[in-house]
Amino acid sequence: MSEKAAAALEIYKSIEGQEEGVGEWLEIDQDRINMFADATLDHQFIHIDPEKSAELSPYKVTIAHGFLTLSLIVHLGASIPPLRPEVLDGVFMGVNYGLDKVRFPAPVPVNSKVRARHRLMSAELKGDNTIQVKREVTVELEGSDKPVCVAESRYMYG
């Protein structure tokens, strides 16, 4: 194991279980929802038709796709600075490695704002210079106590 990887792993281990921070708010407007619908071919009325949603949806407005919310976790997390910035010394690349669990406890109504909250769950060495980090990412909805997405995400840093 390299010296930098050993130092980073020690830092990560010292903050396991801790909240790493909260990111900035991002508004989810109808244009973003429509573009996601076009990209994924998911044109269900509850996402793209405000009039039909007002009439038939329990939410009375369009809502973002759950997978749109999920797809934003990397962007939303980018505004969260590391608790210990020195953990990134020597890191030249971070790669999204996947998800262990995902759930969508509440919808994201059109024109609402979301942000991410990170909690470091674990870190482990996966090679001489590679550390895998597992985080709980909670996507919050402005003005609500109920999260709109909770995911366990994994990243590889090397």
Protein backbone atom coordinates (compact mmCIF):
# COMPACT_ATOMS: atom_id res chain seq x y z
CA MET A 1 0.00 0.00 0.00
CA SER A 2 1.31 3.45 -0.89
CA GLU A 3 1.97 6.03 1.83
CA LYS A 4 -0.76 8.32 0.48
CA ALA A 5 -3.32 5.52 0.34
CA ALA A 6 -2.42 4.50 3.91
CA ALA A 7 -2.80 8.09 5.11
CA ALA A 8 -6.12 8.50 3.29
CA LEU A 9 -7.47 5.22 4.65
CA GLU A 10 -6.51 6.26 8.19
CA ILE A 11 -8.35 9.57 7.76
CA TYR A 12 -11.45 7.88 6.33
CA LYS A 13 -11.46 5.33 9.14
CA SER A 14 -11.31 8.16 11.71
CA ILE A 15 -14.51 9.74 10.34
CA GLU A 16 -16.57 6.59 9.64
CA GLY A 17 -20.14 7.08 10.79
CA GLN A 18 -19.87 10.87 10.75
CA GLU A 19 -21.84 13.31 8.65
CA GLU A 20 -19.55 14.79 6.02
CA GLY A 21 -21.72 17.76 5.16
CA VAL A 22 -24.68 19.19 3.32
CA GLY A 23 -24.64 20.48 -0.24
CA GLU A 24 -26.24 23.37 -2.06
CA TRP A 25 -29.85 23.53 -3.20
CA LEU A 26 -30.80 22.75 -6.81
CA GLU A 27 -34.19 23.60 -8.30
CA ILE A 28 -35.95 20.87 -10.26
CA ASP A 29 -37.98 22.63 -12.95
CA GLN A 30 -40.22 21.22 -15.66
CA ASP A 31 -37.56 21.63 -18.37
CA ARG A 32 -35.15 19.39 -16.43
CA ILE A 33 -37.92 16.81 -15.87
CA ASN A 34 -38.86 16.89 -19.57
CA MET A 35 -35.25 16.46 -20.68
CA PHE A 36 -34.87 13.47 -18.38
CA ALA A 37 -38.11 12.00 -19.75
CA ASP A 38 -36.76 12.39 -23.29
CA ALA A 39 -33.39 10.87 -22.36
CA THR A 40 -34.95 7.83 -20.66
CA LEU A 41 -38.08 7.50 -22.81
CA ASP A 42 -40.20 7.64 -19.64
CA HIS A 43 -43.03 9.99 -20.61
CA GLN A 44 -45.55 9.01 -17.95
CA PHE A 45 -48.04 11.87 -17.52
CA ILE A 46 -47.22 12.29 -13.83
CA HIS A 47 -43.84 13.68 -14.94
CA ILE A 48 -44.55 15.65 -18.11
CA ASP A 49 -48.21 16.70 -18.25
CA PRO A 50 -49.09 19.47 -15.77
CA GLU A 51 -52.78 19.57 -16.74
CA LYS A 52 -53.36 15.84 -16.47
CA SER A 53 -51.32 15.72 -13.25
CA ALA A 54 -53.47 18.50 -11.76
CA GLU A 55 -56.53 16.43 -12.55
CA LEU A 56 -55.44 12.85 -11.85
CA SER A 57 -52.30 12.82 -9.74
CA PRO A 58 -52.47 12.68 -5.94
CA TYR A 59 -49.74 15.38 -5.95
CA LYS A 60 -51.72 17.74 -8.26
CA VAL A 61 -48.46 18.80 -9.98
CA THR A 62 -45.86 17.00 -12.03
CA ILE A 63 -43.10 15.26 -10.10
CA ALA A 64 -39.52 14.38 -10.97
CA HIS A 65 -38.66 10.82 -11.88
CA GLY A 66 -37.08 8.97 -8.97
CA PHE A 67 -34.18 8.10 -11.23
CA LEU A 68 -33.72 11.78 -12.09
CA THR A 69 -33.26 12.47 -8.39
CA LEU A 70 -30.87 9.52 -8.13
CA SER A 71 -28.88 10.64 -11.18
CA LEU A 72 -28.23 14.00 -9.51
CA ILE A 73 -26.50 12.63 -6.39
CA VAL A 74 -23.02 13.07 -7.85
CA HIS A 75 -23.75 16.68 -8.83
CA LEU A 76 -25.48 17.43 -5.52
CA GLY A 77 -22.57 15.92 -3.59
CA ALA A 78 -19.97 17.93 -5.50
CA SER A 79 -20.80 21.00 -3.39
CA ILE A 80 -19.97 19.14 -0.15
CA PRO A 81 -16.33 19.76 0.75
CA PRO A 82 -14.42 16.90 2.37
CA LEU A 83 -14.37 16.98 6.17
CA ARG A 84 -10.63 16.47 5.97
CA PRO A 85 -9.38 17.89 2.63
CA GLU A 86 -6.00 16.19 3.03
CA VAL A 87 -7.77 12.88 2.37
CA LEU A 88 -7.63 13.79 -1.33
CA ASP A 89 -3.84 14.36 -1.40
CA GLY A 90 -2.53 12.26 -4.25
CA VAL A 91 -5.98 11.32 -5.58
CA PHE A 92 -6.06 11.73 -9.34
CA MET A 93 -9.44 10.19 -10.02
CA GLY A 94 -12.72 9.27 -8.36
CA VAL A 95 -15.09 6.82 -10.01
CA ASN A 96 -18.73 6.13 -9.23
CA TYR A 97 -18.65 2.41 -8.35
CA GLY A 98 -22.36 1.86 -7.81
CA LEU A 99 -25.14 1.64 -5.29
CA ASP A 100 -26.07 -0.85 -2.60
CA LYS A 101 -29.52 0.40 -1.61
CA VAL A 102 -31.84 3.05 -2.99
CA ARG A 103 -35.27 4.17 -1.96
CA PHE A 104 -37.54 7.10 -2.78
CA PRO A 105 -39.61 7.87 0.36
CA ALA A 106 -41.25 11.01 -1.08
CA PRO A 107 -41.80 12.68 -4.46
CA VAL A 108 -40.01 15.76 -5.81
CA PRO A 109 -42.68 18.21 -6.98
CA VAL A 110 -41.87 20.41 -9.96
CA ASN A 111 -40.12 23.71 -9.08
CA SER A 112 -38.94 22.43 -5.70
CA LYS A 113 -35.35 22.40 -4.48
CA VAL A 114 -33.24 19.44 -3.41
CA ARG A 115 -29.82 19.02 -1.81
CA ALA A 116 -27.63 16.14 -0.66
CA ARG A 117 -26.40 15.19 2.79
CA HIS A 118 -23.47 12.75 3.10
CA ARG A 119 -22.58 10.37 5.90
CA LEU A 120 -19.46 8.24 5.58
CA MET A 121 -20.39 4.62 6.22
CA SER A 122 -17.10 2.84 5.54
CA ALA A 123 -13.79 2.89 3.72
CA GLU A 124 -11.59 0.03 2.66
CA LEU A 125 -8.45 -0.53 0.68
CA LYS A 126 -9.09 -2.16 -2.71
CA GLY A 127 -5.58 -2.08 -4.16
CA ASP A 128 -2.19 -0.53 -3.51
CA ASN A 129 -3.51 2.95 -4.35
CA THR A 130 -7.29 2.55 -4.39
CA ILE A 131 -9.79 3.16 -1.60
CA GLN A 132 -13.47 2.32 -1.83
CA VAL A 133 -15.73 4.64 0.14
CA LYS A 134 -19.35 3.89 0.98
CA ARG A 135 -21.62 6.82 1.80
CA GLU A 136 -25.20 7.23 2.79
CA VAL A 137 -26.55 9.97 0.55
CA THR A 138 -29.80 11.54 1.67
CA VAL A 139 -31.47 13.87 -0.82
CA GLU A 140 -33.57 16.40 1.03
CA LEU A 141 -36.51 18.47 -0.22
CA GLU A 142 -36.57 22.09 0.84
CA GLY A 143 -39.31 22.63 3.43
CA SER A 144 -39.82 18.93 4.16
CA ASP A 145 -38.61 16.63 6.92
CA LYS A 146 -39.03 13.54 4.71
CA PRO A 147 -36.17 12.71 2.33
CA VAL A 148 -36.88 12.19 -1.35
CA CYS A 149 -34.05 9.71 -1.88
CA VAL A 150 -31.78 7.70 0.38
CA ALA A 151 -28.99 5.77 -1.29
CA GLU A 152 -25.87 3.91 -0.27
CA SER A 153 -23.30 4.91 -2.86
CA ARG A 154 -19.82 3.60 -3.47
CA TYR A 155 -16.89 5.51 -4.95
CA MET A 156 -13.39 4.36 -5.82
CA TYR A 157 -10.59 6.86 -5.27
CA GLY A 158 -7.12 6.33 -6.64
